[in-house]
PDB file of N, CA and C in Angstrom:
ATOM      1  N   MET A   1      61.473  98.890 -91.274  1.00  0.00           N
ATOM      2  CA  MET A   1      62.277 100.021 -91.267  1.00  0.00           C
ATOM      3  C   MET A   1      61.528 101.270 -91.760  1.00  0.00           C
ATOM      4  N   PRO A   2      61.990 102.323 -91.473  1.00  0.00           N
ATOM      5  CA  PRO A   2      61.453 103.453 -91.502  1.00  0.00           C
ATOM      6  C   PRO A   2      61.745 103.727 -93.119  1.00  0.00           C
ATOM      7  N   ILE A   3      61.059 104.913 -93.680  1.00  0.00           N
ATOM      8  CA  ILE A   3      61.203 105.312 -95.145  1.00  0.00           C
ATOM      9  C   ILE A   3      62.302 106.432 -94.885  1.00  0.00           C
ATOM     10  N   SER A   4      63.392 106.337 -95.534  1.00  0.00           N
ATOM     11  CA  SER A   4      64.527 107.378 -95.440  1.00  0.00           C
ATOM     12  C   SER A   4      64.091 108.793 -95.835  1.00  0.00           C
ATOM     13  N   THR A   5      64.544 109.825 -95.518  1.00  0.00           N
ATOM     14  CA  THR A   5      64.121 111.245 -95.588  1.00  0.00           C
ATOM     15  C   THR A   5      64.278 111.639 -97.253  1.00  0.00           C
ATOM     16  N   ARG A   6      65.497 111.059 -97.779  1.00  0.00           N
ATOM     17  CA  ARG A   6      65.561 111.367 -99.054  1.00  0.00           C
ATOM     18  C   ARG A   6      64.464 110.485-100.236  1.00  0.00           C
ATOM     19  N   LEU A   7      64.073 109.246 -99.751  1.00  0.00           N
ATOM     20  CA  LEU A   7      63.159 108.883-100.433  1.00  0.00           C
ATOM     21  C   LEU A   7      61.771 109.410-100.221  1.00  0.00           C
ATOM     22  N   GLU A   8      61.622 109.856 -98.990  1.00  0.00           N
ATOM     23  CA  GLU A   8      60.229 110.320 -98.652  1.00  0.00           C
ATOM     24  C   GLU A   8      60.337 111.855 -99.728  1.00  0.00           C
ATOM     25  N   GLY A   9      61.258 112.400 -99.713  1.00  0.00           N
ATOM     26  CA  GLY A   9      61.401 113.733-100.646  1.00  0.00           C
ATOM     27  C   GLY A   9      60.950 113.583-102.021  1.00  0.00           C
ATOM     28  N   ARG A  10      61.421 112.285-102.426  1.00  0.00           N
ATOM     29  CA  ARG A  10      61.266 111.981-103.869  1.00  0.00           C
ATOM     30  C   ARG A  10      59.736 111.373-103.949  1.00  0.00           C
ATOM     31  N   ILE A  11      59.121 110.725-102.837  1.00  0.00           N
ATOM     32  CA  ILE A  11      57.734 110.417-103.051  1.00  0.00           C
ATOM     33  C   ILE A  11      56.954 111.804-102.994  1.00  0.00           C
ATOM     34  N   ARG A  12      57.254 112.693-102.236  1.00  0.00           N
ATOM     35  CA  ARG A  12      56.428 113.930-102.185  1.00  0.00           C
ATOM     36  C   ARG A  12      56.532 114.573-103.653  1.00  0.00           C
ATOM     37  N   ARG A  13      57.717 114.596-104.245  1.00  0.00           N
ATOM     38  CA  ARG A  13      57.998 114.997-105.529  1.00  0.00           C
ATOM     39  C   ARG A  13      57.229 114.409-106.790  1.00  0.00           C
ATOM     40  N   ASP A  14      57.100 112.990-106.509  1.00  0.00           N
ATOM     41  CA  ASP A  14      56.579 112.318-107.564  1.00  0.00           C
ATOM     42  C   ASP A  14      55.148 112.305-107.565  1.00  0.00           C
ATOM     43  N   PHE A  15      54.430 112.436-106.178  1.00  0.00           N
ATOM     44  CA  PHE A  15      53.237 111.806-106.106  1.00  0.00           C
ATOM     45  C   PHE A  15      52.805 113.279-105.353  1.00  0.00           C
ATOM     46  N   SER A  16      52.702 114.685-105.935  1.00  0.00           N
ATOM     47  CA  SER A  16      52.085 115.578-105.257  1.00  0.00           C
ATOM     48  C   SER A  16      50.592 116.128-105.400  1.00  0.00           C
ATOM     49  N   GLU A  17      50.028 115.198-105.980  1.00  0.00           N
ATOM     50  CA  GLU A  17      48.576 115.437-106.222  1.00  0.00           C
ATOM     51  C   GLU A  17      48.219 115.061-104.556  1.00  0.00           C
ATOM     52  N   LEU A  18      47.131 116.092-103.818  1.00  0.00           N
ATOM     53  CA  LEU A  18      46.751 115.966-102.510  1.00  0.00           C
ATOM     54  C   LEU A  18      46.388 114.882-102.061  1.00  0.00           C
ATOM     55  N   GLY A  19      46.984 114.235-100.964  1.00  0.00           N
ATOM     56  CA  GLY A  19      46.986 112.604-100.608  1.00  0.00           C
ATOM     57  C   GLY A  19      47.584 111.620-101.231  1.00  0.00           C
ATOM     58  N   SER A  20      48.331 111.784-102.297  1.00  0.00           N
ATOM     59  CA  SER A  20      49.018 110.578-102.688  1.00  0.00           C
ATOM     60  C   SER A  20      50.341 110.241-102.191  1.00  0.00           C
ATOM     61  N   ALA A  21      51.016 111.455-101.589  1.00  0.00           N
ATOM     62  CA  ALA A  21      52.249 111.073-100.946  1.00  0.00           C
ATOM     63  C   ALA A  21      51.937 110.150 -99.848  1.00  0.00           C
ATOM     64  N   ALA A  22      50.930 110.654 -99.017  1.00  0.00           N
ATOM     65  CA  ALA A  22      50.674 109.928 -97.659  1.00  0.00           C
ATOM     66  C   ALA A  22      50.231 108.613 -97.939  1.00  0.00           C
ATOM     67  N   GLU A  23      49.571 108.446 -99.037  1.00  0.00           N
ATOM     68  CA  GLU A  23      49.100 107.047 -99.388  1.00  0.00           C
ATOM     69  C   GLU A  23      50.153 106.079 -99.859  1.00  0.00           C
ATOM     70  N   VAL A  24      51.214 106.624-100.725  1.00  0.00           N
ATOM     71  CA  VAL A  24      52.118 105.815-101.142  1.00  0.00           C
ATOM     72  C   VAL A  24      53.194 105.445 -99.654  1.00  0.00           C
ATOM     73  N   LEU A  25      53.471 106.506 -98.812  1.00  0.00           N
ATOM     74  CA  LEU A  25      54.083 106.313 -97.722  1.00  0.00           C
ATOM     75  C   LEU A  25      53.590 105.222 -96.729  1.00  0.00           C
ATOM     76  N   ARG A  26      52.068 105.243 -96.736  1.00  0.00           N
ATOM     77  CA  ARG A  26      51.453 104.165 -95.845  1.00  0.00           C
ATOM     78  C   ARG A  26      51.403 102.681 -96.738  1.00  0.00           C
ATOM     79  N   ILE A  27      51.416 102.572 -97.848  1.00  0.00           N
ATOM     80  CA  ILE A  27      51.548 101.317 -98.619  1.00  0.00           C
ATOM     81  C   ILE A  27      52.931 100.769 -98.427  1.00  0.00           C
ATOM     82  N   LEU A  28      54.001 101.542 -98.602  1.00  0.00           N
ATOM     83  CA  LEU A  28      55.323 101.148 -98.450  1.00  0.00           C
ATOM     84  C   LEU A  28      55.752 100.705 -97.002  1.00  0.00           C
ATOM     85  N   ASP A  29      54.908 101.504 -96.226  1.00  0.00           N
ATOM     86  CA  ASP A  29      55.202 100.975 -94.591  1.00  0.00           C
ATOM     87  C   ASP A  29      54.481  99.745 -94.202  1.00  0.00           C
ATOM     88  N   ASP A  30      53.353  99.692 -94.914  1.00  0.00           N
ATOM     89  CA  ASP A  30      52.645  98.359 -94.791  1.00  0.00           C
ATOM     90  C   ASP A  30      53.044  97.120 -95.770  1.00  0.00           C
ATOM     91  N   LEU A  31      53.928  97.207 -96.693  1.00  0.00           N
ATOM     92  CA  LEU A  31      54.326  96.278 -97.524  1.00  0.00           C
ATOM     93  C   LEU A  31      54.951  95.066 -96.813  1.00  0.00           C
ATOM     94  N   PRO A  32      55.911  95.317 -95.870  1.00  0.00           N
ATOM     95  CA  PRO A  32      56.705  93.986 -95.310  1.00  0.00           C
ATOM     96  C   PRO A  32      55.548  93.084 -94.639  1.00  0.00           C
ATOM     97  N   ASP A  33      54.765  93.917 -94.120  1.00  0.00           N
ATOM     98  CA  ASP A  33      53.527  93.114 -93.426  1.00  0.00           C
ATOM     99  C   ASP A  33      52.520  92.159 -94.261  1.00  0.00           C
ATOM    100  N   ALA A  34      52.201  92.948 -94.968  1.00  0.00           N
ATOM    101  CA  ALA A  34      51.340  92.605 -96.385  1.00  0.00           C
ATOM    102  C   ALA A  34      51.593  91.641 -97.131  1.00  0.00           C
ATOM    103  N   ALA A  35      53.269  91.382 -97.237  1.00  0.00           N
ATOM    104  CA  ALA A  35      53.721  90.256 -98.152  1.00  0.00           C
ATOM    105  C   ALA A  35      53.711  89.116 -97.375  1.00  0.00           C
ATOM    106  N   GLY A  36      54.073  88.995 -96.088  1.00  0.00           N
ATOM    107  CA  GLY A  36      54.174  88.024 -95.350  1.00  0.00           C
ATOM    108  C   GLY A  36      55.604  87.214 -95.657  1.00  0.00           C
ATOM    109  N   TYR A  37      56.421  87.937 -96.517  1.00  0.00           N
ATOM    110  CA  TYR A  37      57.873  87.288 -96.294  1.00  0.00           C
ATOM    111  C   TYR A  37      58.831  88.335 -96.393  1.00  0.00           C
ATOM    112  N   GLY A  38      60.081  88.221 -96.197  1.00  0.00           N
ATOM    113  CA  GLY A  38      61.249  89.062 -96.739  1.00  0.00           C
ATOM    114  C   GLY A  38      61.149  90.310 -96.157  1.00  0.00           C
ATOM    115  N   ALA A  39      60.645  90.565 -94.738  1.00  0.00           N
ATOM    116  CA  ALA A  39      60.357  91.792 -94.192  1.00  0.00           C
ATOM    117  C   ALA A  39      61.751  92.927 -94.282  1.00  0.00           C
ATOM    118  N   GLU A  40      63.022  92.258 -94.174  1.00  0.00           N
ATOM    119  CA  GLU A  40      64.219  92.956 -94.158  1.00  0.00           C
ATOM    120  C   GLU A  40      64.331  93.638 -95.551  1.00  0.00           C
ATOM    121  N   MET A  41      63.969  92.986 -96.711  1.00  0.00           N
ATOM    122  CA  MET A  41      64.264  93.280 -97.959  1.00  0.00           C
ATOM    123  C   MET A  41      63.085  94.156 -98.332  1.00  0.00           C
ATOM    124  N   LEU A  42      61.986  93.952 -98.182  1.00  0.00           N
ATOM    125  CA  LEU A  42      60.743  94.590 -98.453  1.00  0.00           C
ATOM    126  C   LEU A  42      60.603  95.956 -97.622  1.00  0.00           C
ATOM    127  N   GLY A  43      61.352  96.100 -96.690  1.00  0.00           N
ATOM    128  CA  GLY A  43      61.227  97.339 -95.906  1.00  0.00           C
ATOM    129  C   GLY A  43      62.684  98.217 -96.087  1.00  0.00           C
ATOM    130  N   SER A  44      63.569  97.621 -97.217  1.00  0.00           N
ATOM    131  CA  SER A  44      64.779  98.387 -97.446  1.00  0.00           C
ATOM    132  C   SER A  44      64.408  99.668 -98.491  1.00  0.00           C
ATOM    133  N   GLU A  45      65.430 100.661 -98.265  1.00  0.00           N
ATOM    134  CA  GLU A  45      65.390 101.731 -98.901  1.00  0.00           C
ATOM    135  C   GLU A  45      65.317 101.324-100.438  1.00  0.00           C
ATOM    136  N   ARG A  46      66.476 100.523-100.735  1.00  0.00           N
ATOM    137  CA  ARG A  46      66.505 100.164-102.474  1.00  0.00           C
ATOM    138  C   ARG A  46      65.189  99.665-102.796  1.00  0.00           C
ATOM    139  N   LEU A  47      64.584  98.602-102.204  1.00  0.00           N
ATOM    140  CA  LEU A  47      63.294  98.084-102.718  1.00  0.00           C
ATOM    141  C   LEU A  47      62.081  99.057-102.958  1.00  0.00           C
ATOM    142  N   GLN A  48      62.322  99.976-101.809  1.00  0.00           N
ATOM    143  CA  GLN A  48      61.094 101.047-101.675  1.00  0.00           C
ATOM    144  C   GLN A  48      61.528 102.011-102.937  1.00  0.00           C
ATOM    145  N   THR A  49      62.625 102.302-103.031  1.00  0.00           N
ATOM    146  CA  THR A  49      62.906 103.045-104.067  1.00  0.00           C
ATOM    147  C   THR A  49      62.405 102.478-105.261  1.00  0.00           C
ATOM    148  N   ALA A  50      62.912 101.150-105.582  1.00  0.00           N
ATOM    149  CA  ALA A  50      62.577 100.601-107.017  1.00  0.00           C
ATOM    150  C   ALA A  50      61.132 100.557-107.195  1.00  0.00           C
ATOM    151  N   ILE A  51      60.113 100.367-106.316  1.00  0.00           N
ATOM    152  CA  ILE A  51      58.946 100.605-106.383  1.00  0.00           C
ATOM    153  C   ILE A  51      58.320 102.042-106.844  1.00  0.00           C
ATOM    154  N   VAL A  52      59.186 102.934-106.094  1.00  0.00           N
ATOM    155  CA  VAL A  52      58.596 104.404-106.281  1.00  0.00           C
ATOM    156  C   VAL A  52      59.239 104.550-107.853  1.00  0.00           C
ATOM    157  N   LEU A  53      60.326 104.184-108.167  1.00  0.00           N
ATOM    158  CA  LEU A  53      60.674 104.402-109.578  1.00  0.00           C
ATOM    159  C   LEU A  53      59.922 104.026-110.575  1.00  0.00           C
ATOM    160  N   LEU A  54      59.339 102.628-110.306  1.00  0.00           N
ATOM    161  CA  LEU A  54      58.737 101.817-111.438  1.00  0.00           C
ATOM    162  C   LEU A  54      57.208 102.518-111.504  1.00  0.00           C
ATOM    163  N   ALA A  55      56.760 103.330-110.329  1.00  0.00           N
ATOM    164  CA  ALA A  55      55.437 103.879-110.406  1.00  0.00           C
ATOM    165  C   ALA A  55      55.497 104.886-111.215  1.00  0.00           C
ATOM    166  N   GLN A  56      56.671 105.641-111.487  1.00  0.00           N
ATOM    167  CA  GLN A  56      56.269 106.827-112.188  1.00  0.00           C
ATOM    168  C   GLN A  56      55.263 107.753-111.943  1.00  0.00           C
ATOM    169  N   GLY A  57      55.162 107.771-110.541  1.00  0.00           N
ATOM    170  CA  GLY A  57      54.154 108.963-110.095  1.00  0.00           C
ATOM    171  C   GLY A  57      52.616 108.701-110.127  1.00  0.00           C
ATOM    172  N   THR A  58      52.427 107.279-110.259  1.00  0.00           N
ATOM    173  CA  THR A  58      50.991 106.990-110.430  1.00  0.00           C
ATOM    174  C   THR A  58      50.685 105.990-109.488  1.00  0.00           C
ATOM    175  N   ILE A  59      49.783 106.100-108.770  1.00  0.00           N
ATOM    176  CA  ILE A  59      49.137 105.147-107.694  1.00  0.00           C
ATOM    177  C   ILE A  59      49.040 103.842-108.339  1.00  0.00           C
ATOM    178  N   ARG A  60      48.468 103.847-109.498  1.00  0.00           N
ATOM    179  CA  ARG A  60      47.920 102.453-110.411  1.00  0.00           C
ATOM    180  C   ARG A  60      49.119 101.860-110.579  1.00  0.00           C
ATOM    181  N   GLN A  61      50.497 102.479-111.315  1.00  0.00           N
ATOM    182  CA  GLN A  61      51.675 101.515-111.228  1.00  0.00           C
ATOM    183  C   GLN A  61      52.426 101.225-110.033  1.00  0.00           C
ATOM    184  N   LEU A  62      52.232 102.150-109.135  1.00  0.00           N
ATOM    185  CA  LEU A  62      52.660 101.675-107.658  1.00  0.00           C
ATOM    186  C   LEU A  62      52.085 100.446-107.386  1.00  0.00           C
ATOM    187  N   GLU A  63      50.859 100.443-107.208  1.00  0.00           N
ATOM    188  CA  GLU A  63      50.302  99.157-106.819  1.00  0.00           C
ATOM    189  C   GLU A  63      50.626  97.854-107.882  1.00  0.00           C
ATOM    190  N   ALA A  64      50.901  98.146-108.994  1.00  0.00           N
ATOM    191  CA  ALA A  64      51.299  97.045-109.883  1.00  0.00           C
ATOM    192  C   ALA A  64      52.942  96.725-109.223  1.00  0.00           C
ATOM    193  N   ALA A  65      53.574  97.550-108.929  1.00  0.00           N
ATOM    194  CA  ALA A  65      54.954  97.410-108.582  1.00  0.00           C
ATOM    195  C   ALA A  65      55.156  96.576-107.165  1.00  0.00           C
ATOM    196  N   VAL A  66      53.897  97.015-106.273  1.00  0.00           N
ATOM    197  CA  VAL A  66      53.898  96.318-104.943  1.00  0.00           C
ATOM    198  C   VAL A  66      53.491  94.906-105.043  1.00  0.00           C
ATOM    199  N   GLN A  67      52.677  94.788-105.925  1.00  0.00           N
ATOM    200  CA  GLN A  67      52.068  93.426-106.468  1.00  0.00           C
ATOM    201  C   GLN A  67      53.342  92.696-106.920  1.00  0.00           C
ATOM    202  N   LEU A  68      54.191  93.310-107.600  1.00  0.00           N
ATOM    203  CA  LEU A  68      55.191  92.039-108.239  1.00  0.00           C
ATOM    204  C   LEU A  68      56.297  92.020-107.079  1.00  0.00           C
ATOM    205  N   ALA A  69      56.390  93.013-106.172  1.00  0.00           N
ATOM    206  CA  ALA A  69      57.284  92.915-105.093  1.00  0.00           C
ATOM    207  C   ALA A  69      56.645  91.594-104.150  1.00  0.00           C
ATOM    208  N   LYS A  70      55.543  91.642-104.181  1.00  0.00           N
ATOM    209  CA  LYS A  70      54.814  90.325-103.091  1.00  0.00           C
ATOM    210  C   LYS A  70      55.044  88.918-103.612  1.00  0.00           C
ATOM    211  N   THR A  71      55.150  89.190-105.081  1.00  0.00           N
ATOM    212  CA  THR A  71      55.584  87.822-105.916  1.00  0.00           C
ATOM    213  C   THR A  71      56.966  87.451-105.779  1.00  0.00           C
ATOM    214  N   ASP A  72      57.674  88.524-106.057  1.00  0.00           N
ATOM    215  CA  ASP A  72      59.082  88.325-106.083  1.00  0.00           C
ATOM    216  C   ASP A  72      59.915  89.651-106.290  1.00  0.00           C
ATOM    217  N   TRP A  73      60.423  90.232-105.114  1.00  0.00           N
ATOM    218  CA  TRP A  73      61.000  91.392-104.978  1.00  0.00           C
ATOM    219  C   TRP A  73      62.045  91.512-105.892  1.00  0.00           C
ATOM    220  N   ARG A  74      62.675  90.186-106.122  1.00  0.00           N
ATOM    221  CA  ARG A  74      63.985  90.554-107.062  1.00  0.00           C
ATOM    222  C   ARG A  74      63.513  90.970-108.514  1.00  0.00           C
ATOM    223  N   ASP A  75      62.504  90.561-109.134  1.00  0.00           N
ATOM    224  CA  ASP A  75      61.976  91.314-110.044  1.00  0.00           C
ATOM    225  C   ASP A  75      61.676  92.653-110.214  1.00  0.00           C
ATOM    226  N   VAL A  76      61.308  93.337-109.168  1.00  0.00           N
ATOM    227  CA  VAL A  76      61.452  94.790-108.921  1.00  0.00           C
ATOM    228  C   VAL A  76      62.657  95.201-109.101  1.00  0.00           C
ATOM    229  N   LEU A  77      63.488  94.925-108.402  1.00  0.00           N
ATOM    230  CA  LEU A  77      65.083  95.332-108.635  1.00  0.00           C
ATOM    231  C   LEU A  77      65.554  95.377-110.032  1.00  0.00           C
ATOM    232  N   VAL A  78      65.153  94.282-110.433  1.00  0.00           N
ATOM    233  CA  VAL A  78      65.803  94.227-112.092  1.00  0.00           C
ATOM    234  C   VAL A  78      65.177  95.149-112.977  1.00  0.00           C
ATOM    235  N   ALA A  79      63.779  95.171-112.928  1.00  0.00           N
ATOM    236  CA  ALA A  79      63.013  96.399-113.674  1.00  0.00           C
ATOM    237  C   ALA A  79      63.298  97.714-113.619  1.00  0.00           C
ATOM    238  N   ALA A  80      63.664  97.927-112.382  1.00  0.00           N
ATOM    239  CA  ALA A  80      64.161  99.482-111.746  1.00  0.00           C
ATOM    240  C   ALA A  80      65.622  99.657-111.979  1.00  0.00           C
ATOM    241  N   GLU A  81      66.366  98.669-112.597  1.00  0.00           N
ATOM    242  CA  GLU A  81      67.819  98.850-112.732  1.00  0.00           C
ATOM    243  C   GLU A  81      68.792  99.097-111.197  1.00  0.00           C
ATOM    244  N   LEU A  82      68.053  98.263-110.290  1.00  0.00           N
ATOM    245  CA  LEU A  82      68.707  98.423-108.809  1.00  0.00           C
ATOM    246  C   LEU A  82      69.234  97.208-108.580  1.00  0.00           C
ATOM    247  N   ALA A  83      69.157  96.091-109.659  1.00  0.00           N
ATOM    248  CA  ALA A  83      69.873  94.669-109.051  1.00  0.00           C
ATOM    249  C   ALA A  83      71.482  94.538-109.236  1.00  0.00           C
ATOM    250  N   ASP A  84      72.067  95.536-109.944  1.00  0.00           N
ATOM    251  CA  ASP A  84      73.531  95.175-110.259  1.00  0.00           C
ATOM    252  C   ASP A  84      74.455  95.750-109.114  1.00  0.00           C
ATOM    253  N   ALA A  85      75.586  95.486-109.359  1.00  0.00           N
ATOM    254  CA  ALA A  85      76.572  96.034-107.933  1.00  0.00           C
ATOM    255  C   ALA A  85      76.350  97.506-107.666  1.00  0.00           C
ATOM    256  N   ASP A  86      76.154  98.286-108.890  1.00  0.00           N
ATOM    257  CA  ASP A  86      76.012  99.916-108.811  1.00  0.00           C
ATOM    258  C   ASP A  86      74.873 100.307-108.276  1.00  0.00           C
ATOM    259  N   TRP A  87      74.162  99.395-107.845  1.00  0.00           N
ATOM    260  CA  TRP A  87      72.775  99.963-107.110  1.00  0.00           C
ATOM    261  C   TRP A  87      73.022 101.167-106.178  1.00  0.00           C
ATOM    262  N   PRO A  88      73.901 101.218-105.338  1.00  0.00           N
ATOM    263  CA  PRO A  88      74.042 102.405-104.325  1.00  0.00           C
ATOM    264  C   PRO A  88      74.232 103.598-104.946  1.00  0.00           C
ATOM    265  N   ALA A  89      75.042 103.610-106.232  1.00  0.00           N
ATOM    266  CA  ALA A  89      75.388 104.828-106.820  1.00  0.00           C
ATOM    267  C   ALA A  89      73.937 105.324-107.624  1.00  0.00           C
ATOM    268  N   ARG A  90      73.127 104.404-108.084  1.00  0.00           N
ATOM    269  CA  ARG A  90      71.827 104.689-108.849  1.00  0.00           C
ATOM    270  C   ARG A  90      71.142 105.245-107.595  1.00  0.00           C
ATOM    271  N   LEU A  91      70.987 104.482-106.523  1.00  0.00           N
ATOM    272  CA  LEU A  91      70.129 105.191-105.314  1.00  0.00           C
ATOM    273  C   LEU A  91      70.618 106.780-105.185  1.00  0.00           C
ATOM    274  N   ASP A  92      71.664 107.111-105.208  1.00  0.00           N
ATOM    275  CA  ASP A  92      72.178 108.512-105.075  1.00  0.00           C
ATOM    276  C   ASP A  92      71.884 109.207-106.117  1.00  0.00           C
ATOM    277  N   ALA A  93      71.837 108.804-107.425  1.00  0.00           N
ATOM    278  CA  ALA A  93      71.311 109.572-108.561  1.00  0.00           C
ATOM    279  C   ALA A  93      70.119 109.832-108.652  1.00  0.00           C
ATOM    280  N   GLU A  94      69.320 108.922-108.102  1.00  0.00           N
ATOM    281  CA  GLU A  94      67.823 109.091-108.077  1.00  0.00           C
ATOM    282  C   GLU A  94      67.390 109.919-106.892  1.00  0.00           C
ATOM    283  N   LEU A  95      67.932 109.906-105.798  1.00  0.00           N
ATOM    284  CA  LEU A  95      67.381 110.472-104.485  1.00  0.00           C
ATOM    285  C   LEU A  95      68.211 111.479-103.966  1.00  0.00           C
ATOM    286  N   GLY A  96      69.472 111.751-104.563  1.00  0.00           N
ATOM    287  CA  GLY A  96      70.249 112.439-103.690  1.00  0.00           C
ATOM    288  C   GLY A  96      71.176 111.814-102.808  1.00  0.00           C
ATOM    289  N   PRO A  97      72.403 112.259-102.546  1.00  0.00           N
ATOM    290  CA  PRO A  97      73.314 111.643-101.457  1.00  0.00           C
ATOM    291  C   PRO A  97      72.597 111.472-100.110  1.00  0.00           C
ATOM    292  N   GLU A  98      73.192 110.525 -99.253  1.00  0.00           N
ATOM    293  CA  GLU A  98      72.626 110.065 -98.067  1.00  0.00           C
ATOM    294  C   GLU A  98      73.079 111.162 -97.098  1.00  0.00           C
ATOM    295  N   ALA A  99      72.189 111.754 -96.247  1.00  0.00           N
ATOM    296  CA  ALA A  99      72.567 112.632 -95.270  1.00  0.00           C
ATOM    297  C   ALA A  99      73.420 112.083 -94.321  1.00  0.00           C
ATOM    298  N   ALA A 100      74.722 112.881 -93.793  1.00  0.00           N
ATOM    299  CA  ALA A 100      75.722 112.327 -93.005  1.00  0.00           C
ATOM    300  C   ALA A 100      75.334 112.394 -91.724  1.00  0.00           C
TER     301      ALA A 100
END
């Protein structure tokens, strides 16, 4: 699944150091194949956003969140507070509303 425009904008804001955003985009794009399971969920905006939120703008924390996702993506959703039924509203709060 392609990375959404609104998530890409958040990545570019959080990872503004030269080359960092491109690296994050590549890592997220490669995640479904690298994990070897759950391609649909691992490529979802929800999980990708959870990883970016946990990273807090650092590649090191992003890599830790990616490793956690490879082990069990549900733990990433819980840690980023995107596991509950209100997750769509939280995505909108973090990324802005979806484009119509």
